[in-house]
Amino acid sequence: MAIMPDHVHLVIRKHKDQAEVMIDQLQKWTREHLAVSGLRLQGHPAWTRGGYKVFLDSPDDIWRTIRYVEQNPVKQKMPIQHWDFITTYDNWPFHKDR
């Protein structure tokens, strides 16, 4: 994950929920959190509607995208971001034993 001044990047593994549902829930939760914390006025738009999603079909695509996301802050002269709640990608669902 990379949190930028005007957008965020997330790489989310396959999930039971559709991408659109996850994007909507993320936007709703962060919008509410920003309002409660006083960083945005209640009702002030924090997101454009929807989001941009890409489905990745191979470990190479996923690793390339992870590198892109990790380097995004660096390209904007921001420090590399590390998040304790991020799980390192383990090639799921493309494990060799499956």
Protein backbone atom coordinates (compact mmCIF):
# COMPACT_ATOMS: atom_id res chain seq x y z
CA MET A 1 0.00 0.00 0.00
CA ALA A 2 1.13 3.53 -0.75
CA ILE A 3 -0.71 6.55 0.60
CA MET A 4 -0.06 9.54 -1.61
CA PRO A 5 -1.22 13.16 -1.20
CA ASP A 6 -3.99 12.72 -3.78
CA HIS A 7 -4.48 8.97 -4.19
CA VAL A 8 -3.69 5.55 -2.74
CA HIS A 9 -2.38 2.32 -4.21
CA LEU A 10 -3.41 -1.07 -2.85
CA VAL A 11 -2.62 -4.59 -3.99
CA ILE A 12 -5.35 -6.85 -2.66
CA ARG A 13 -5.40 -10.60 -3.10
CA LYS A 14 -8.37 -12.43 -4.52
CA HIS A 15 -11.31 -12.10 -2.19
CA LYS A 16 -14.91 -13.23 -1.83
CA ASP A 17 -16.06 -9.64 -2.35
CA GLN A 18 -15.98 -7.97 -5.74
CA ALA A 19 -13.35 -5.25 -6.28
CA GLU A 20 -16.08 -2.61 -6.55
CA VAL A 21 -17.44 -3.58 -3.13
CA MET A 22 -13.98 -3.43 -1.53
CA ILE A 23 -13.27 -0.03 -3.11
CA ASP A 24 -16.62 1.29 -1.92
CA GLN A 25 -16.05 0.02 1.64
CA LEU A 26 -12.52 1.45 1.79
CA GLN A 27 -13.76 4.83 0.59
CA LYS A 28 -16.68 4.81 3.04
CA TRP A 29 -14.51 3.85 6.04
CA THR A 30 -11.75 6.37 5.29
CA ARG A 31 -14.26 9.16 4.57
CA GLU A 32 -15.93 8.51 7.95
CA HIS A 33 -12.58 8.25 9.76
CA LEU A 34 -11.35 11.53 8.27
CA ALA A 35 -14.54 13.29 9.38
CA VAL A 36 -14.48 11.84 12.92
CA SER A 37 -10.79 12.72 13.32
CA GLY A 38 -11.47 16.29 12.21
CA LEU A 39 -9.32 16.06 9.09
CA ARG A 40 -12.32 16.59 6.79
CA LEU A 41 -15.71 18.18 7.28
CA GLN A 42 -18.62 15.75 7.46
CA GLY A 43 -20.01 15.38 3.94
CA HIS A 44 -16.90 16.84 2.29
CA PRO A 45 -15.92 14.64 -0.64
CA ALA A 46 -12.71 12.74 0.03
CA TRP A 47 -12.86 10.44 -3.00
CA THR A 48 -14.05 10.49 -6.55
CA ARG A 49 -16.70 7.88 -7.17
CA GLY A 50 -15.37 4.40 -7.76
CA GLY A 51 -11.75 3.54 -8.29
CA TYR A 52 -9.35 2.05 -10.76
CA LYS A 53 -8.90 -1.72 -10.62
CA VAL A 54 -6.61 -4.09 -12.46
CA PHE A 55 -6.79 -7.87 -12.26
CA LEU A 56 -3.37 -9.53 -12.25
CA ASP A 57 -2.98 -13.00 -13.74
CA SER A 58 0.49 -14.19 -12.77
CA PRO A 59 3.01 -13.91 -9.94
CA ASP A 60 5.27 -11.85 -12.23
CA ASP A 61 2.45 -9.33 -12.78
CA ILE A 62 1.74 -9.21 -9.06
CA TRP A 63 5.42 -8.74 -8.08
CA ARG A 64 5.82 -6.02 -10.75
CA THR A 65 2.77 -4.22 -9.40
CA ILE A 66 3.96 -4.52 -5.79
CA ARG A 67 7.30 -2.93 -6.80
CA TYR A 68 5.43 -0.16 -8.62
CA VAL A 69 3.28 0.57 -5.55
CA GLU A 70 6.28 0.50 -3.20
CA GLN A 71 8.26 2.89 -5.42
CA ASN A 72 5.38 5.31 -6.01
CA PRO A 73 6.19 7.47 -2.94
CA VAL A 74 9.89 7.51 -3.85
CA LYS A 75 9.07 8.89 -7.31
CA GLN A 76 7.27 11.76 -5.54
CA LYS A 77 10.30 12.34 -3.26
CA MET A 78 8.49 10.84 -0.27
CA PRO A 79 9.97 8.18 2.03
CA ILE A 80 9.33 4.50 1.42
CA GLN A 81 6.24 3.45 3.34
CA HIS A 82 6.11 0.39 5.59
CA TRP A 83 2.83 -0.78 7.11
CA ASP A 84 2.74 -3.36 9.92
CA PHE A 85 -0.60 -4.74 8.77
CA ILE A 86 0.63 -5.58 5.25
CA THR A 87 1.28 -9.28 4.62
CA THR A 88 4.14 -10.12 2.28
CA TYR A 89 2.93 -11.69 -0.96
CA ASP A 90 3.55 -15.46 -0.98
CA ASN A 91 2.62 -16.23 -4.63
CA TRP A 92 -0.95 -17.09 -3.61
CA PRO A 93 -2.93 -18.52 -5.42
CA PHE A 94 -0.12 -19.71 -7.66
CA HIS A 95 1.71 -21.97 -5.18
CA LYS A 96 3.76 -24.63 -6.93
CA ASP A 97 2.30 -27.37 -4.74
CA ARG A 98 -1.22 -26.71 -6.01
